[in-house]
N, C-alpha and C. Protein backbone atom coordinates (compact mmCIF):
# COMPACT_ATOMS: atom_id res chain seq x y z
N UNK A 1 97.71 147.29 96.48
CA UNK A 1 97.88 145.97 97.06
C UNK A 1 97.52 144.91 96.02
N UNK A 2 98.37 143.94 95.86
CA UNK A 2 98.12 142.85 94.91
C UNK A 2 97.13 141.85 95.52
N UNK A 3 96.35 141.25 94.67
CA UNK A 3 95.40 140.22 95.10
C UNK A 3 96.18 139.00 95.54
N UNK A 4 95.80 138.43 96.67
CA UNK A 4 96.45 137.22 97.20
C UNK A 4 95.72 136.00 96.64
N UNK A 5 96.20 135.52 95.49
CA UNK A 5 95.54 134.41 94.78
C UNK A 5 95.47 133.15 95.63
N UNK A 6 96.52 132.85 96.38
CA UNK A 6 96.53 131.65 97.22
C UNK A 6 95.43 131.67 98.26
N UNK A 7 95.22 132.80 98.88
CA UNK A 7 94.15 132.91 99.87
C UNK A 7 92.78 132.76 99.23
N UNK A 8 92.63 133.36 98.03
CA UNK A 8 91.34 133.23 97.33
C UNK A 8 91.09 131.77 96.98
N UNK A 9 92.10 131.09 96.45
CA UNK A 9 91.94 129.67 96.11
C UNK A 9 91.53 128.86 97.33
N UNK A 10 92.18 129.08 98.46
CA UNK A 10 91.84 128.34 99.69
C UNK A 10 90.41 128.66 100.14
N UNK A 11 90.03 129.93 100.03
CA UNK A 11 88.68 130.33 100.44
C UNK A 11 87.62 129.70 99.54
N UNK A 12 87.87 129.65 98.25
CA UNK A 12 86.90 129.05 97.32
C UNK A 12 86.79 127.54 97.57
N UNK A 13 87.91 126.89 97.82
CA UNK A 13 87.86 125.46 98.16
C UNK A 13 87.03 125.25 99.42
N UNK A 14 87.17 126.14 100.39
CA UNK A 14 86.39 126.05 101.62
C UNK A 14 84.91 126.29 101.36
N UNK A 15 84.58 127.26 100.52
CA UNK A 15 83.18 127.51 100.17
C UNK A 15 82.59 126.28 99.50
N UNK A 16 83.32 125.68 98.56
CA UNK A 16 82.83 124.48 97.89
C UNK A 16 82.57 123.37 98.91
N UNK A 17 83.48 123.19 99.85
CA UNK A 17 83.28 122.18 100.90
C UNK A 17 82.07 122.54 101.76
N UNK A 18 81.89 123.83 102.05
CA UNK A 18 80.79 124.26 102.91
C UNK A 18 79.42 124.03 102.27
N UNK A 19 79.35 124.00 100.94
CA UNK A 19 78.06 123.74 100.28
C UNK A 19 77.88 122.25 99.98
N UNK A 20 78.84 121.42 100.43
CA UNK A 20 78.73 119.98 100.26
C UNK A 20 79.36 119.45 98.99
N UNK A 21 80.19 120.23 98.34
CA UNK A 21 80.86 119.80 97.11
C UNK A 21 82.26 119.31 97.41
N UNK A 22 82.82 118.59 96.47
CA UNK A 22 84.19 118.10 96.57
C UNK A 22 85.04 118.92 95.61
N UNK A 23 85.87 119.81 96.16
CA UNK A 23 86.70 120.68 95.32
C UNK A 23 87.72 119.90 94.51
N UNK A 24 87.92 118.63 94.84
CA UNK A 24 88.89 117.80 94.11
C UNK A 24 88.27 117.04 92.94
N UNK A 25 86.95 117.07 92.81
CA UNK A 25 86.33 116.35 91.69
C UNK A 25 86.70 117.02 90.38
N UNK A 26 86.71 116.25 89.27
CA UNK A 26 87.22 116.78 87.99
C UNK A 26 86.61 118.12 87.56
N UNK A 27 85.31 118.29 87.68
CA UNK A 27 84.68 119.53 87.22
C UNK A 27 85.04 120.75 88.05
N UNK A 28 85.45 120.53 89.29
CA UNK A 28 85.76 121.65 90.19
C UNK A 28 87.23 121.81 90.51
N UNK A 29 88.05 120.87 90.07
CA UNK A 29 89.46 120.85 90.45
C UNK A 29 90.17 122.17 90.16
N UNK A 30 89.87 122.80 89.05
CA UNK A 30 90.53 124.07 88.68
C UNK A 30 89.73 125.31 89.06
N UNK A 31 88.56 125.10 89.65
CA UNK A 31 87.69 126.24 89.97
C UNK A 31 88.33 127.23 90.93
N UNK A 32 88.95 126.81 92.02
CA UNK A 32 89.56 127.82 92.90
C UNK A 32 90.59 128.70 92.18
N UNK A 33 91.38 128.10 91.32
CA UNK A 33 92.38 128.88 90.57
C UNK A 33 91.69 129.82 89.59
N UNK A 34 90.65 129.34 88.90
CA UNK A 34 89.91 130.19 87.94
C UNK A 34 89.27 131.37 88.65
N UNK A 35 88.68 131.12 89.82
CA UNK A 35 88.04 132.20 90.57
C UNK A 35 89.09 133.22 91.00
N UNK A 36 90.24 132.75 91.46
CA UNK A 36 91.32 133.67 91.85
C UNK A 36 91.75 134.53 90.67
N UNK A 37 91.86 133.94 89.48
CA UNK A 37 92.22 134.71 88.29
C UNK A 37 91.14 135.74 87.96
N UNK A 38 89.87 135.32 88.06
CA UNK A 38 88.77 136.25 87.78
C UNK A 38 88.75 137.39 88.78
N UNK A 39 88.96 137.07 90.06
CA UNK A 39 88.95 138.12 91.09
C UNK A 39 90.09 139.10 90.89
N UNK A 40 91.23 138.63 90.40
CA UNK A 40 92.34 139.53 90.12
C UNK A 40 91.91 140.58 89.09
N UNK A 41 91.16 140.15 88.09
CA UNK A 41 90.66 141.07 87.07
C UNK A 41 89.53 141.93 87.61
N UNK A 42 88.56 141.30 88.28
CA UNK A 42 87.39 142.03 88.79
C UNK A 42 87.78 143.16 89.73
N UNK A 43 88.80 142.94 90.54
CA UNK A 43 89.14 143.88 91.59
C UNK A 43 90.45 144.63 91.34
N UNK A 44 90.82 144.78 90.08
CA UNK A 44 92.06 145.47 89.71
C UNK A 44 92.03 146.96 90.07
N UNK A 45 90.87 147.51 90.32
CA UNK A 45 90.76 148.93 90.65
C UNK A 45 90.86 149.23 92.13
N UNK A 46 90.96 148.20 92.97
CA UNK A 46 91.07 148.43 94.41
C UNK A 46 92.36 149.21 94.68
N UNK A 47 92.23 150.33 95.36
CA UNK A 47 93.38 151.15 95.71
C UNK A 47 93.88 152.04 94.59
N UNK A 48 93.18 152.09 93.46
CA UNK A 48 93.60 152.91 92.32
C UNK A 48 92.69 154.13 92.24
N UNK A 49 93.26 155.31 92.09
CA UNK A 49 92.49 156.54 91.96
C UNK A 49 92.06 156.71 90.50
N UNK A 50 90.75 156.64 90.21
CA UNK A 50 90.30 156.75 88.82
C UNK A 50 90.68 158.08 88.16
N UNK A 51 90.81 159.14 88.94
CA UNK A 51 91.15 160.44 88.33
C UNK A 51 92.60 160.46 87.86
N UNK A 52 93.44 159.54 88.34
CA UNK A 52 94.84 159.52 87.92
C UNK A 52 94.98 159.27 86.42
N UNK A 53 94.02 158.59 85.81
CA UNK A 53 94.12 158.32 84.36
C UNK A 53 93.88 159.58 83.53
N UNK A 54 93.45 160.64 84.19
CA UNK A 54 93.20 161.90 83.49
C UNK A 54 94.40 162.85 83.59
N UNK A 55 95.49 162.39 84.17
CA UNK A 55 96.65 163.25 84.42
C UNK A 55 97.27 163.80 83.14
N UNK A 56 97.07 163.12 82.02
CA UNK A 56 97.66 163.60 80.77
C UNK A 56 96.70 164.45 79.95
N UNK A 57 95.77 165.12 80.64
CA UNK A 57 94.84 166.00 79.94
C UNK A 57 95.61 167.15 79.29
N UNK A 58 95.02 167.77 78.30
CA UNK A 58 95.69 168.85 77.57
C UNK A 58 94.81 170.10 77.60
N UNK A 59 95.40 171.23 77.32
CA UNK A 59 94.64 172.48 77.28
C UNK A 59 93.54 172.37 76.23
N UNK A 60 92.37 172.86 76.58
CA UNK A 60 91.22 172.71 75.69
C UNK A 60 91.25 173.68 74.53
N UNK A 61 91.87 174.82 74.71
CA UNK A 61 91.88 175.82 73.64
C UNK A 61 90.48 176.29 73.29
N UNK A 62 89.56 176.20 74.25
CA UNK A 62 88.19 176.62 74.02
C UNK A 62 87.40 175.68 73.15
N UNK A 63 87.83 174.41 73.09
CA UNK A 63 87.17 173.43 72.23
C UNK A 63 85.84 172.97 72.81
N UNK A 64 84.78 173.16 72.09
CA UNK A 64 83.50 172.53 72.36
C UNK A 64 82.73 173.03 73.56
N UNK A 65 81.44 172.85 73.45
CA UNK A 65 80.52 173.19 74.53
C UNK A 65 80.24 171.98 75.41
N UNK A 66 80.36 170.77 74.83
CA UNK A 66 80.02 169.57 75.57
C UNK A 66 80.76 168.38 74.96
N UNK A 67 81.21 167.50 75.83
CA UNK A 67 81.76 166.22 75.40
C UNK A 67 80.87 165.16 76.03
N UNK A 68 80.34 164.25 75.21
CA UNK A 68 79.46 163.19 75.68
C UNK A 68 79.92 161.87 75.09
N UNK A 69 80.27 160.93 75.96
CA UNK A 69 80.60 159.58 75.53
C UNK A 69 79.52 158.67 76.07
N UNK A 70 78.75 158.08 75.16
CA UNK A 70 77.62 157.23 75.55
C UNK A 70 78.00 155.76 75.52
N UNK A 71 77.23 154.98 76.26
CA UNK A 71 77.29 153.52 76.20
C UNK A 71 78.67 152.95 76.48
N UNK A 72 79.30 153.42 77.54
CA UNK A 72 80.58 152.85 77.99
C UNK A 72 80.24 151.59 78.78
N UNK A 73 80.48 150.45 78.18
CA UNK A 73 80.13 149.19 78.85
C UNK A 73 81.09 148.92 80.01
N UNK A 74 80.54 148.39 81.10
CA UNK A 74 81.35 148.05 82.26
C UNK A 74 80.75 146.84 82.96
N UNK A 75 81.56 146.26 83.83
CA UNK A 75 81.07 145.25 84.76
C UNK A 75 81.71 145.56 86.11
N UNK A 76 80.93 145.30 87.13
CA UNK A 76 81.41 145.51 88.49
C UNK A 76 80.86 144.39 89.35
N UNK A 77 81.26 144.39 90.61
CA UNK A 77 80.81 143.38 91.55
C UNK A 77 80.12 144.08 92.73
N UNK A 78 78.89 143.70 92.98
CA UNK A 78 78.11 144.28 94.09
C UNK A 78 78.79 143.95 95.41
N UNK A 79 79.04 144.97 96.20
CA UNK A 79 79.72 144.74 97.48
C UNK A 79 78.82 144.06 98.51
N UNK A 80 77.54 144.03 98.29
CA UNK A 80 76.63 143.37 99.25
C UNK A 80 76.60 141.85 99.09
N UNK A 81 76.65 141.37 97.83
CA UNK A 81 76.50 139.93 97.58
C UNK A 81 77.66 139.32 96.80
N UNK A 82 78.62 140.15 96.38
CA UNK A 82 79.73 139.72 95.52
C UNK A 82 79.21 139.04 94.25
N UNK A 83 78.13 139.59 93.71
CA UNK A 83 77.58 139.16 92.44
C UNK A 83 77.79 140.29 91.43
N UNK A 84 77.91 139.94 90.15
CA UNK A 84 78.19 140.98 89.15
C UNK A 84 76.99 141.88 88.87
N UNK A 85 77.31 143.10 88.48
CA UNK A 85 76.32 143.95 87.81
C UNK A 85 76.99 144.51 86.57
N UNK A 86 76.20 144.55 85.50
CA UNK A 86 76.69 144.90 84.17
C UNK A 86 75.86 146.04 83.62
N UNK A 87 76.50 146.93 82.89
CA UNK A 87 75.71 148.01 82.34
C UNK A 87 76.50 148.92 81.45
N UNK A 88 75.96 150.13 81.30
CA UNK A 88 76.57 151.16 80.48
C UNK A 88 76.56 152.46 81.26
N UNK A 89 77.66 153.19 81.13
CA UNK A 89 77.76 154.52 81.71
C UNK A 89 77.76 155.53 80.56
N UNK A 90 77.14 156.65 80.79
CA UNK A 90 77.12 157.76 79.86
C UNK A 90 77.78 158.92 80.59
N UNK A 91 78.85 159.45 80.03
CA UNK A 91 79.66 160.46 80.71
C UNK A 91 79.69 161.72 79.84
N UNK A 92 79.29 162.84 80.44
CA UNK A 92 79.32 164.12 79.75
C UNK A 92 80.07 165.13 80.61
N UNK A 93 80.81 166.00 79.93
CA UNK A 93 81.41 167.13 80.65
C UNK A 93 81.49 168.35 79.74
N UNK A 94 81.41 169.50 80.36
CA UNK A 94 81.58 170.77 79.67
C UNK A 94 83.02 171.18 79.93
N UNK A 95 83.86 171.21 78.89
CA UNK A 95 85.28 171.48 79.11
C UNK A 95 85.52 172.82 79.81
N UNK A 96 86.48 172.77 80.70
CA UNK A 96 87.01 174.00 81.29
C UNK A 96 88.29 174.30 80.55
N UNK A 97 89.39 174.30 81.28
CA UNK A 97 90.69 174.56 80.68
C UNK A 97 91.35 173.32 80.09
N UNK A 98 90.83 172.12 80.43
CA UNK A 98 91.50 170.87 80.04
C UNK A 98 90.51 169.93 79.35
N UNK A 99 91.02 169.14 78.40
CA UNK A 99 90.27 168.04 77.81
C UNK A 99 91.15 166.80 77.86
N UNK A 100 90.56 165.68 77.56
CA UNK A 100 91.29 164.42 77.62
C UNK A 100 90.83 163.53 76.47
N UNK A 101 91.67 162.58 76.06
CA UNK A 101 91.26 161.62 75.05
C UNK A 101 90.05 160.84 75.51
N UNK A 102 89.15 160.54 74.59
CA UNK A 102 87.89 159.88 74.94
C UNK A 102 88.09 158.53 75.60
N UNK A 103 89.13 157.80 75.19
CA UNK A 103 89.40 156.51 75.81
C UNK A 103 89.68 156.62 77.29
N UNK A 104 90.18 157.78 77.71
CA UNK A 104 90.45 157.98 79.14
C UNK A 104 89.16 158.02 79.95
N UNK A 105 88.08 158.50 79.36
CA UNK A 105 86.80 158.50 80.07
C UNK A 105 86.34 157.07 80.33
N UNK A 106 86.50 156.21 79.31
CA UNK A 106 86.15 154.79 79.50
C UNK A 106 87.04 154.15 80.54
N UNK A 107 88.31 154.55 80.59
CA UNK A 107 89.22 154.00 81.59
C UNK A 107 88.83 154.43 83.00
N UNK A 108 88.36 155.67 83.15
CA UNK A 108 87.86 156.12 84.46
C UNK A 108 86.73 155.21 84.91
N UNK A 109 85.79 154.94 84.01
CA UNK A 109 84.65 154.07 84.35
C UNK A 109 85.14 152.68 84.73
N UNK A 110 86.01 152.10 83.92
CA UNK A 110 86.51 150.75 84.19
C UNK A 110 87.27 150.67 85.50
N UNK A 111 88.06 151.68 85.80
CA UNK A 111 88.85 151.69 87.05
C UNK A 111 87.94 151.78 88.26
N UNK A 112 86.96 152.68 88.21
CA UNK A 112 86.04 152.83 89.34
C UNK A 112 85.17 151.58 89.52
N UNK A 113 84.87 150.90 88.42
CA UNK A 113 84.02 149.70 88.49
C UNK A 113 84.77 148.48 88.99
N UNK A 114 86.09 148.48 88.90
CA UNK A 114 86.89 147.29 89.21
C UNK A 114 87.23 147.20 90.69
N UNK A 115 86.17 147.13 91.50
CA UNK A 115 86.30 146.99 92.95
C UNK A 115 84.92 146.60 93.48
N UNK A 116 84.86 146.03 94.68
CA UNK A 116 83.53 145.80 95.25
C UNK A 116 82.82 147.14 95.32
N UNK A 117 81.59 147.20 94.83
CA UNK A 117 81.01 148.49 94.53
C UNK A 117 79.49 148.48 94.67
N UNK A 118 78.93 149.64 94.92
CA UNK A 118 77.49 149.89 94.79
C UNK A 118 77.32 150.80 93.59
N UNK A 119 76.25 150.63 92.84
CA UNK A 119 76.05 151.45 91.64
C UNK A 119 75.98 152.92 91.99
N UNK A 120 75.33 153.24 93.09
CA UNK A 120 75.22 154.64 93.50
C UNK A 120 76.60 155.25 93.74
N UNK A 121 77.47 154.49 94.42
CA UNK A 121 78.83 154.96 94.67
C UNK A 121 79.62 155.06 93.36
N UNK A 122 79.47 154.07 92.50
CA UNK A 122 80.18 154.07 91.23
C UNK A 122 79.88 155.34 90.44
N UNK A 123 78.61 155.70 90.37
CA UNK A 123 78.19 156.88 89.62
C UNK A 123 78.84 158.14 90.20
N UNK A 124 78.82 158.26 91.51
CA UNK A 124 79.43 159.42 92.18
C UNK A 124 80.95 159.43 91.99
N UNK A 125 81.59 158.27 92.07
CA UNK A 125 83.04 158.20 91.93
C UNK A 125 83.49 158.60 90.53
N UNK A 126 82.73 158.21 89.51
CA UNK A 126 83.06 158.61 88.14
C UNK A 126 82.96 160.13 88.01
N UNK A 127 81.86 160.69 88.51
CA UNK A 127 81.67 162.15 88.43
C UNK A 127 82.78 162.87 89.20
N UNK A 128 83.10 162.39 90.39
CA UNK A 128 84.15 163.03 91.20
C UNK A 128 85.51 162.95 90.50
N UNK A 129 85.82 161.81 89.88
CA UNK A 129 87.11 161.64 89.20
C UNK A 129 87.24 162.62 88.04
N UNK A 130 86.17 162.77 87.27
CA UNK A 130 86.22 163.69 86.14
C UNK A 130 86.31 165.13 86.64
N UNK A 131 85.56 165.43 87.69
CA UNK A 131 85.61 166.78 88.26
C UNK A 131 87.01 167.11 88.77
N UNK A 132 87.61 166.19 89.53
CA UNK A 132 88.93 166.48 90.09
C UNK A 132 90.04 166.36 89.04
N UNK A 133 89.87 165.49 88.06
CA UNK A 133 90.92 165.28 87.06
C UNK A 133 90.95 166.31 85.95
N UNK A 134 89.79 166.89 85.62
CA UNK A 134 89.73 167.83 84.50
C UNK A 134 89.28 169.25 84.88
N UNK A 135 88.69 169.41 86.06
CA UNK A 135 88.13 170.69 86.48
C UNK A 135 87.23 171.29 85.40
N UNK A 136 86.27 170.50 84.90
CA UNK A 136 85.38 171.02 83.86
C UNK A 136 84.36 171.99 84.46
N UNK A 137 83.62 172.65 83.58
CA UNK A 137 82.55 173.54 84.03
C UNK A 137 81.36 172.74 84.56
N UNK A 138 81.17 171.53 84.03
CA UNK A 138 80.07 170.69 84.47
C UNK A 138 80.33 169.24 84.13
N UNK A 139 79.72 168.34 84.90
CA UNK A 139 79.84 166.90 84.69
C UNK A 139 78.47 166.28 84.88
N UNK A 140 78.14 165.32 84.04
CA UNK A 140 76.93 164.51 84.23
C UNK A 140 77.28 163.07 83.92
N UNK A 141 76.95 162.17 84.84
CA UNK A 141 77.18 160.74 84.67
C UNK A 141 75.86 160.03 84.90
N UNK A 142 75.47 159.20 83.94
CA UNK A 142 74.27 158.37 84.07
C UNK A 142 74.73 156.92 83.89
N UNK A 143 74.34 156.07 84.85
CA UNK A 143 74.71 154.66 84.80
C UNK A 143 73.43 153.84 84.80
N UNK A 144 73.35 152.89 83.86
CA UNK A 144 72.20 151.99 83.72
C UNK A 144 72.75 150.58 83.79
N UNK A 145 72.33 149.81 84.81
CA UNK A 145 72.93 148.49 85.01
C UNK A 145 71.90 147.45 85.45
N UNK A 146 72.24 146.21 85.15
CA UNK A 146 71.46 145.05 85.57
C UNK A 146 72.28 144.33 86.64
N UNK A 147 71.64 144.04 87.75
CA UNK A 147 72.32 143.48 88.92
C UNK A 147 72.01 142.00 89.13
N UNK A 148 73.06 141.21 89.26
CA UNK A 148 72.90 139.79 89.53
C UNK A 148 72.14 139.53 90.82
N UNK A 149 72.29 140.40 91.80
CA UNK A 149 71.60 140.20 93.07
C UNK A 149 70.10 140.45 92.93
N UNK A 150 69.67 141.12 91.88
CA UNK A 150 68.25 141.34 91.62
C UNK A 150 67.71 140.32 90.63
N UNK A 151 68.53 139.92 89.65
CA UNK A 151 68.04 139.02 88.60
C UNK A 151 68.16 137.55 88.97
N UNK A 152 69.18 137.17 89.72
CA UNK A 152 69.44 135.75 89.96
C UNK A 152 69.05 135.26 91.35
N UNK A 153 68.75 136.13 92.25
CA UNK A 153 68.35 135.73 93.61
C UNK A 153 67.30 136.71 94.11
N UNK A 154 66.81 136.48 95.29
CA UNK A 154 65.84 137.41 95.88
C UNK A 154 64.65 137.64 94.97
N UNK A 155 64.45 138.89 94.52
CA UNK A 155 63.26 139.21 93.72
C UNK A 155 63.24 138.62 92.32
N UNK A 156 64.39 138.20 91.78
CA UNK A 156 64.50 137.59 90.45
C UNK A 156 63.78 138.39 89.37
N UNK A 157 64.08 139.65 89.31
CA UNK A 157 63.50 140.54 88.31
C UNK A 157 64.44 140.62 87.11
N UNK A 158 64.30 139.66 86.21
CA UNK A 158 65.25 139.52 85.11
C UNK A 158 65.17 140.64 84.07
N UNK A 159 64.09 141.36 84.02
CA UNK A 159 63.94 142.42 83.04
C UNK A 159 64.20 143.82 83.58
N UNK A 160 64.61 143.92 84.83
CA UNK A 160 64.78 145.25 85.43
C UNK A 160 66.21 145.75 85.29
N UNK A 161 66.35 147.06 85.28
CA UNK A 161 67.66 147.69 85.37
C UNK A 161 67.54 148.86 86.33
N UNK A 162 68.68 149.30 86.81
CA UNK A 162 68.74 150.42 87.75
C UNK A 162 69.48 151.56 87.08
N UNK A 163 68.94 152.76 87.20
CA UNK A 163 69.56 153.95 86.62
C UNK A 163 69.91 154.90 87.76
N UNK A 164 71.17 155.36 87.76
CA UNK A 164 71.63 156.35 88.73
C UNK A 164 72.26 157.51 87.98
N UNK A 165 72.30 158.67 88.65
CA UNK A 165 72.80 159.86 88.00
C UNK A 165 73.56 160.70 89.01
N UNK A 166 74.63 161.34 88.55
CA UNK A 166 75.37 162.30 89.37
C UNK A 166 75.73 163.49 88.49
N UNK A 167 75.57 164.69 89.02
CA UNK A 167 75.90 165.89 88.25
C UNK A 167 76.72 166.84 89.10
N UNK A 168 77.52 167.62 88.42
CA UNK A 168 78.37 168.61 89.06
C UNK A 168 78.34 169.88 88.22
N UNK A 169 78.54 171.00 88.85
CA UNK A 169 78.69 172.29 88.16
C UNK A 169 77.52 172.65 87.28
N UNK A 170 77.82 173.15 86.09
CA UNK A 170 76.78 173.66 85.19
C UNK A 170 75.78 172.58 84.78
N UNK A 171 76.18 171.32 84.79
CA UNK A 171 75.25 170.25 84.41
C UNK A 171 74.35 169.81 85.56
N UNK A 172 74.46 170.51 86.70
CA UNK A 172 73.49 170.32 87.78
C UNK A 172 72.24 171.16 87.54
N UNK A 173 72.35 172.14 86.66
CA UNK A 173 71.20 172.96 86.30
C UNK A 173 70.19 172.09 85.58
N UNK A 174 68.91 172.08 86.03
CA UNK A 174 67.91 171.19 85.43
C UNK A 174 67.76 171.35 83.91
N UNK A 175 67.85 172.56 83.39
CA UNK A 175 67.68 172.77 81.95
C UNK A 175 68.88 172.19 81.20
N UNK A 176 70.09 172.48 81.68
CA UNK A 176 71.30 171.94 81.04
C UNK A 176 71.30 170.41 81.11
N UNK A 177 70.96 169.89 82.27
CA UNK A 177 70.94 168.44 82.47
C UNK A 177 69.93 167.79 81.53
N UNK A 178 68.75 168.39 81.39
CA UNK A 178 67.70 167.83 80.52
C UNK A 178 68.18 167.75 79.07
N UNK A 179 68.93 168.74 78.62
CA UNK A 179 69.46 168.70 77.26
C UNK A 179 70.42 167.54 77.04
N UNK A 180 71.29 167.29 78.02
CA UNK A 180 72.23 166.18 77.90
C UNK A 180 71.48 164.86 77.99
N UNK A 181 70.53 164.75 78.90
CA UNK A 181 69.76 163.52 79.03
C UNK A 181 69.02 163.20 77.73
N UNK A 182 68.54 164.23 77.04
CA UNK A 182 67.89 164.00 75.74
C UNK A 182 68.87 163.45 74.73
N UNK A 183 70.11 163.90 74.76
CA UNK A 183 71.14 163.37 73.84
C UNK A 183 71.51 161.95 74.18
N UNK A 184 71.50 161.63 75.45
CA UNK A 184 71.81 160.26 75.86
C UNK A 184 70.71 159.32 75.37
N UNK A 185 69.46 159.77 75.47
CA UNK A 185 68.35 158.92 75.06
C UNK A 185 67.90 158.05 76.21
N UNK A 186 67.05 157.09 75.92
CA UNK A 186 66.53 156.19 76.95
C UNK A 186 67.58 155.22 77.41
N UNK A 187 67.24 154.39 78.37
CA UNK A 187 68.18 153.39 78.87
C UNK A 187 68.69 152.48 77.74
N UNK A 188 69.94 152.08 77.86
CA UNK A 188 70.56 151.24 76.83
C UNK A 188 69.92 149.88 76.78
């Protein structure tokens, strides 16, 4: 489904009026259009299956014991407050019969993040997409993010970040998982 820019523009103009602002004043005149453009980008992953980007995987030929892509930067929008959260995902998998280009792992993260989201769900969706798209022996996803709803409102904890983790298959084993976590290192 395509984003309805006209509806977003009208809604933003209404929000501006509701807070006592004049959407027609020079500084705000283009704001509804800018927000609609931003929302089109922010929510480009709505209705898109992140595992679909892994469809062009290739036979692994027994390559490697582990693939780890660290520090995949992303941004998402918290579904509770529609405020951004920004962070890095670390994605590891133990190849089964298929591997994929490393850029595809970053695309999985970006696709799953481009929708109203909770970090916990995002972490699980990335792991599920890799599991279903590649059928690896194991998957581990660690996400470390800073949330606008925590830093800019409510508790205003500007120095805090949230870390979530999801594992599948062989990387659910505590010893295997600990080895990958050591390679990832501390929070970004």
